Amino acid sequence: MANSKATLELARKDEIEHKHGMSELFEEMQTRPLQIKAYKLDSVDSVPSISNNDMHNVKVIYFLRHGQGFHNLLADLSRAQGIEWKQFSQSPLNPYVMPETLDAPLTQKGRDQARSIQSIVREFPKEEQPELVVLSPNCRALQTGVLAFEKILETNRNVPFISHEMVREETGVHICDKRRPKSQQEKEFPMVDFSLIQEEDVIFRSDRRESKMEVGDRIYKFMEWLSKRPEKYVAIASHSGWLMTLFNGVVDSDESLKSWFQTGEMRRSKLVFNWKS
């Protein structure tokens, strides 16, 4: 779906801001035991050759950013009116700190974006359909993942839908990134397994934003968990800042994966996991 001029302007601004601290994070991640290489998959011809010794450490991942959220819409409207605000501030001009944006849900456009993914997923061969769907515990990502992969829920109840705290957005200050209690999410999304989630949001802080290193540590812990899962084809519904940090600061990835994800955008990639001896 086409994005407005305001949306694209905000995306360019956010992309620049989110690159701060990435080089230091990437250097730190190169010292960790688990090393990950990411390749963008556009077609069978684009798949790089991988030795047979590595094949058991390879997964195909469908990375999906949530559709347009209520907070995104407010930011677009503010931008279109020429309103400027300081990022991660408590300024009354900052739409992301409005109380109404708490754990922001999808707009109608966001729901349509999520549903549009269904036709893409149907085009994948049967053997490449997701065997596991991982979702951020924030409302907009939960809604997106459930809508985008709705047919899997209907046709194959053996595919687990698991919410994971480590795939949520870079958080702090912006109330839109604070999640609701686990018990509330469970009532609205009974098809999702929330056993890995605590009741209250213990990550969000109103006085400061997470550092890139903190977000990178979360992503690294998630990748450790994912590398040990048996599934080879996995879908992950997450957020723009998280995805930006993943591909620029945590994994060694193709340049085509490093750019900002637009709302409702999905990219298919191959991850190669290697543990240092």
Protein backbone atom coordinates (compact mmCIF):
# COMPACT_ATOMS: atom_id res chain seq x y z
CA MET A 1 0.00 0.00 0.00
CA ALA A 2 1.27 3.46 -0.89
CA ASN A 3 2.47 5.64 1.96
CA SER A 4 1.85 9.37 2.27
CA LYS A 5 4.55 12.00 1.88
CA ALA A 6 4.43 12.64 5.64
CA THR A 7 4.93 8.93 6.35
CA LEU A 8 7.97 8.71 4.07
CA GLU A 9 9.48 11.88 5.53
CA LEU A 10 9.13 10.51 9.05
CA ALA A 11 10.64 7.19 7.96
CA ARG A 12 13.71 8.93 6.52
CA LYS A 13 14.13 10.94 9.71
CA ASP A 14 13.70 7.89 11.93
CA GLU A 15 16.16 5.86 9.87
CA ILE A 16 18.88 8.48 10.33
CA GLU A 17 18.25 8.76 14.08
CA HIS A 18 18.23 5.00 14.62
CA LYS A 19 21.66 4.56 13.01
CA HIS A 20 23.33 6.36 15.91
CA GLY A 21 25.30 3.84 17.96
CA MET A 22 24.91 1.01 15.44
CA SER A 23 28.61 0.68 14.59
CA GLU A 24 29.54 0.32 18.26
CA LEU A 25 26.80 -2.27 18.75
CA PHE A 26 27.92 -4.27 15.71
CA GLU A 27 31.53 -4.31 16.96
CA GLU A 28 30.34 -5.65 20.32
CA MET A 29 28.18 -8.31 18.68
CA GLN A 30 31.17 -9.60 16.73
CA THR A 31 32.69 -10.66 20.05
CA ARG A 32 29.70 -12.81 21.05
CA PRO A 33 29.67 -16.63 20.73
CA LEU A 34 26.71 -16.69 18.31
CA GLN A 35 27.39 -15.16 14.91
CA ILE A 36 24.58 -14.68 12.40
CA LYS A 37 24.64 -13.93 8.69
CA ALA A 38 21.47 -12.65 6.98
CA TYR A 39 20.72 -12.89 3.25
CA LYS A 40 17.79 -11.22 1.50
CA LEU A 41 15.72 -13.71 -0.49
CA ASP A 42 13.90 -12.36 -3.53
CA SER A 43 13.91 -15.58 -5.52
CA VAL A 44 15.51 -19.01 -5.57
CA ASP A 45 18.30 -17.59 -7.72
CA SER A 46 19.25 -15.11 -4.99
CA VAL A 47 19.95 -17.78 -2.37
CA PRO A 48 23.71 -17.90 -1.65
CA SER A 49 25.50 -21.23 -1.60
CA ILE A 50 25.87 -22.60 1.92
CA SER A 51 28.02 -25.59 2.81
CA ASN A 52 26.31 -28.77 3.93
CA ASN A 53 28.01 -28.53 7.32
CA ASP A 54 26.04 -25.36 8.01
CA MET A 55 22.64 -26.51 6.83
CA HIS A 56 21.33 -27.52 10.27
CA ASN A 57 21.95 -23.91 11.43
CA VAL A 58 19.95 -22.29 8.64
CA LYS A 59 16.45 -20.83 8.87
CA VAL A 60 14.25 -18.91 6.45
CA ILE A 61 12.62 -16.01 8.28
CA TYR A 62 9.70 -13.84 7.21
CA PHE A 63 10.35 -10.53 8.97
CA LEU A 64 7.20 -8.41 9.17
CA ARG A 65 6.78 -4.92 10.54
CA HIS A 66 3.36 -4.23 12.04
CA GLY A 67 0.81 -2.31 9.98
CA GLN A 68 0.03 1.35 10.58
CA GLY A 69 -0.68 1.94 14.26
CA PHE A 70 -2.79 4.67 15.84
CA HIS A 71 0.43 6.40 16.97
CA ASN A 72 1.78 6.30 13.40
CA LEU A 73 -1.38 7.98 12.15
CA LEU A 74 -1.13 10.73 14.78
CA ALA A 75 2.51 11.32 13.86
CA ASP A 76 1.66 11.49 10.15
CA LEU A 77 -1.12 14.00 10.78
CA SER A 78 1.16 16.14 12.95
CA ARG A 79 3.92 16.04 10.36
CA ALA A 80 1.49 16.95 7.57
CA GLN A 81 0.49 20.02 9.59
CA GLY A 82 4.12 21.08 9.93
CA ILE A 83 4.35 20.24 13.64
CA GLU A 84 7.85 19.34 14.83
CA TRP A 85 8.76 17.62 18.09
CA LYS A 86 11.92 16.41 19.78
CA GLN A 87 12.23 12.65 19.60
CA PHE A 88 11.92 10.76 22.92
CA SER A 89 10.84 13.92 24.77
CA GLN A 90 7.83 14.66 26.96
CA SER A 91 6.96 17.64 24.77
CA PRO A 92 3.19 18.13 24.40
CA LEU A 93 3.84 18.31 20.65
CA ASN A 94 5.16 14.73 20.65
CA PRO A 95 2.27 12.50 19.51
CA TYR A 96 4.00 9.36 20.84
CA VAL A 97 3.58 10.41 24.49
CA MET A 98 -0.17 11.03 24.32
CA PRO A 99 -1.96 8.79 26.88
CA GLU A 100 -4.34 7.64 24.13
CA THR A 101 -1.45 5.90 22.34
CA LEU A 102 -0.74 3.39 25.13
CA ASP A 103 0.09 0.09 23.42
CA ALA A 104 -1.29 1.56 20.21
CA PRO A 105 -3.56 -0.70 18.12
CA LEU A 106 -3.76 -0.83 14.34
CA THR A 107 -5.73 1.66 12.29
CA GLN A 108 -8.00 0.45 9.50
CA LYS A 109 -5.12 1.03 7.07
CA GLY A 110 -2.90 -1.04 9.36
CA ARG A 111 -5.39 -3.90 9.37
CA ASP A 112 -5.63 -3.75 5.58
CA GLN A 113 -1.83 -3.82 5.34
CA ALA A 114 -1.71 -6.90 7.54
CA ARG A 115 -4.41 -8.68 5.52
CA SER A 116 -2.56 -7.90 2.29
CA ILE A 117 0.25 -10.18 3.49
CA GLN A 118 -2.09 -13.18 3.26
CA SER A 119 -1.92 -13.28 -0.54
CA ILE A 120 1.89 -13.17 -0.41
CA VAL A 121 2.05 -16.05 2.05
CA ARG A 122 -0.28 -18.14 -0.13
CA GLU A 123 2.25 -17.90 -2.97
CA PHE A 124 4.95 -19.64 -0.91
CA PRO A 125 5.30 -23.38 -1.58
CA LYS A 126 3.69 -25.62 1.02
CA GLU A 127 7.08 -26.69 2.36
CA GLU A 128 8.05 -23.02 2.91
CA GLN A 129 5.00 -22.01 4.93
CA PRO A 130 5.84 -20.77 8.45
CA GLU A 131 6.15 -23.55 11.02
CA LEU A 132 6.36 -21.01 13.85
CA VAL A 133 5.01 -17.48 14.21
CA VAL A 134 6.71 -15.22 16.78
CA LEU A 135 5.02 -11.98 17.82
CA SER A 136 6.00 -8.94 19.80
CA PRO A 137 3.69 -8.62 22.83
CA ASN A 138 2.62 -5.12 21.74
CA CYS A 139 -0.96 -4.91 20.48
CA ARG A 140 -0.17 -3.66 16.97
CA ALA A 141 2.28 -6.50 16.31
CA LEU A 142 -0.06 -9.11 17.75
CA GLN A 143 -2.90 -7.87 15.54
CA THR A 144 -0.62 -7.81 12.50
CA GLY A 145 0.71 -11.32 12.98
CA VAL A 146 -2.69 -12.84 13.64
CA LEU A 147 -4.22 -11.13 10.58
CA ALA A 148 -1.29 -11.76 8.23
CA PHE A 149 -1.07 -15.46 9.09
CA GLU A 150 -4.77 -15.99 9.72
CA LYS A 151 -5.02 -18.85 7.22
CA ILE A 152 -2.36 -20.79 9.12
CA LEU A 153 -4.41 -20.44 12.29
CA GLU A 154 -7.45 -21.74 10.43
CA THR A 155 -5.81 -24.64 8.60
CA ASN A 156 -2.94 -25.81 10.79
CA ARG A 157 -3.43 -25.54 14.54
CA ASN A 158 -0.11 -27.31 15.10
CA VAL A 159 1.78 -24.13 14.15
CA PRO A 160 2.60 -22.32 17.41
CA PHE A 161 1.96 -18.58 17.70
CA ILE A 162 4.32 -17.45 20.48
CA SER A 163 4.69 -13.96 21.94
CA HIS A 164 8.27 -13.11 22.89
CA GLU A 165 9.30 -10.09 24.99
CA MET A 166 12.65 -9.86 23.22
CA VAL A 167 11.13 -8.94 19.83
CA ARG A 168 9.25 -5.86 21.03
CA GLU A 169 10.12 -2.36 19.92
CA GLU A 170 12.94 -0.23 21.31
CA THR A 171 11.08 1.22 24.26
CA GLY A 172 10.99 3.95 26.87
CA VAL A 173 9.48 7.48 27.11
CA HIS A 174 7.05 6.95 24.21
CA ILE A 175 3.86 5.62 25.78
CA CYS A 176 2.89 3.96 22.50
CA ASP A 177 5.66 1.41 23.12
CA LYS A 178 4.49 0.44 26.61
CA ARG A 179 2.54 -2.80 26.48
CA ARG A 180 -0.63 -3.71 28.33
CA PRO A 181 -0.54 -6.38 31.06
CA LYS A 182 -0.20 -9.96 29.88
CA SER A 183 -3.67 -10.89 31.20
CA GLN A 184 -5.28 -8.28 28.94
CA GLN A 185 -3.38 -9.47 25.87
CA GLU A 186 -4.32 -13.09 26.61
CA LYS A 187 -8.04 -12.22 26.64
CA GLU A 188 -7.85 -10.45 23.29
CA PHE A 189 -5.48 -12.94 21.63
CA PRO A 190 -6.38 -16.42 22.97
CA MET A 191 -4.73 -18.03 19.96
CA VAL A 192 -1.29 -16.77 21.09
CA ASP A 193 0.96 -18.46 23.66
CA PHE A 194 2.04 -15.84 26.24
CA SER A 195 3.92 -18.23 28.54
CA LEU A 196 7.22 -16.37 27.94
CA ILE A 197 5.71 -13.01 28.97
CA GLN A 198 5.54 -11.52 32.46
CA GLU A 199 2.30 -9.94 33.66
CA GLU A 200 3.57 -6.37 33.83
CA ASP A 201 5.83 -4.45 31.46
CA VAL A 202 9.18 -4.43 33.26
CA ILE A 203 11.18 -3.08 30.30
CA PHE A 204 9.43 0.23 29.68
CA ARG A 205 10.79 3.28 31.51
CA SER A 206 9.13 6.68 31.40
CA ASP A 207 12.35 8.59 32.12
CA ARG A 208 14.62 7.32 29.36
CA ARG A 209 14.82 5.41 26.09
CA GLU A 210 16.58 2.06 25.80
CA SER A 211 20.11 2.32 24.46
CA LYS A 212 21.10 0.56 21.26
CA MET A 213 23.21 -1.81 23.34
CA GLU A 214 20.20 -2.73 25.48
CA VAL A 215 18.03 -3.39 22.43
CA GLY A 216 20.89 -5.33 20.83
CA ASP A 217 21.22 -7.50 23.94
CA ARG A 218 17.50 -8.31 23.75
CA ILE A 219 17.78 -9.23 20.09
CA TYR A 220 20.84 -11.37 20.75
CA LYS A 221 19.01 -13.28 23.51
CA PHE A 222 16.12 -13.85 21.13
CA MET A 223 18.47 -15.13 18.43
CA GLU A 224 19.98 -17.58 20.90
CA TRP A 225 16.46 -18.86 21.62
CA LEU A 226 15.54 -18.98 17.93
CA SER A 227 18.73 -20.81 16.93
CA LYS A 228 17.76 -23.68 19.24
CA ARG A 229 14.20 -24.01 17.92
CA PRO A 230 13.58 -26.96 15.54
CA GLU A 231 11.52 -24.99 13.00
CA LYS A 232 13.22 -24.04 9.72
CA TYR A 233 10.61 -21.57 8.43
CA VAL A 234 9.64 -18.85 10.88
CA ALA A 235 7.57 -15.65 10.72
CA ILE A 236 8.34 -12.76 13.08
CA ALA A 237 6.00 -9.79 13.57
CA SER A 238 7.94 -6.92 15.12
CA HIS A 239 8.72 -3.20 14.80
CA SER A 240 10.76 -0.74 12.73
CA GLY A 241 13.36 0.17 15.35
CA TRP A 242 13.83 -3.47 16.36
CA LEU A 243 14.28 -4.56 12.75
CA MET A 244 16.67 -1.68 12.06
CA THR A 245 18.80 -2.67 15.04
CA LEU A 246 18.73 -6.36 14.09
CA PHE A 247 20.03 -5.89 10.57
CA ASN A 248 22.42 -2.99 11.23
CA GLY A 249 23.76 -3.77 14.68
CA VAL A 250 23.35 -7.45 15.55
CA VAL A 251 23.66 -9.60 12.43
CA ASP A 252 25.98 -9.38 9.44
CA SER A 253 23.42 -8.70 6.73
CA ASP A 254 22.98 -7.79 3.08
CA GLU A 255 22.72 -4.05 2.46
CA SER A 256 19.21 -4.60 1.11
CA LEU A 257 18.05 -5.66 4.59
CA LYS A 258 19.48 -2.64 6.40
CA SER A 259 16.98 -0.04 5.22
CA TRP A 260 13.94 1.10 7.19
CA PHE A 261 10.88 -1.19 7.11
CA GLN A 262 7.68 0.61 6.16
CA THR A 263 4.45 -0.26 8.00
CA GLY A 264 3.10 -3.62 6.88
CA GLU A 265 6.27 -4.51 4.99
CA MET A 266 7.57 -8.08 4.97
CA ARG A 267 11.01 -9.25 3.86
CA ARG A 268 12.06 -12.86 3.42
CA SER A 269 15.60 -13.71 4.47
CA LYS A 270 17.85 -16.62 5.21
CA LEU A 271 19.72 -16.63 8.51
CA VAL A 272 22.83 -18.71 9.05
CA PHE A 273 23.63 -19.33 12.73
CA ASN A 274 27.18 -20.21 13.73
CA TRP A 275 28.44 -20.76 17.26
CA LYS A 276 32.11 -19.98 17.86
CA SER A 277 34.04 -22.95 19.19
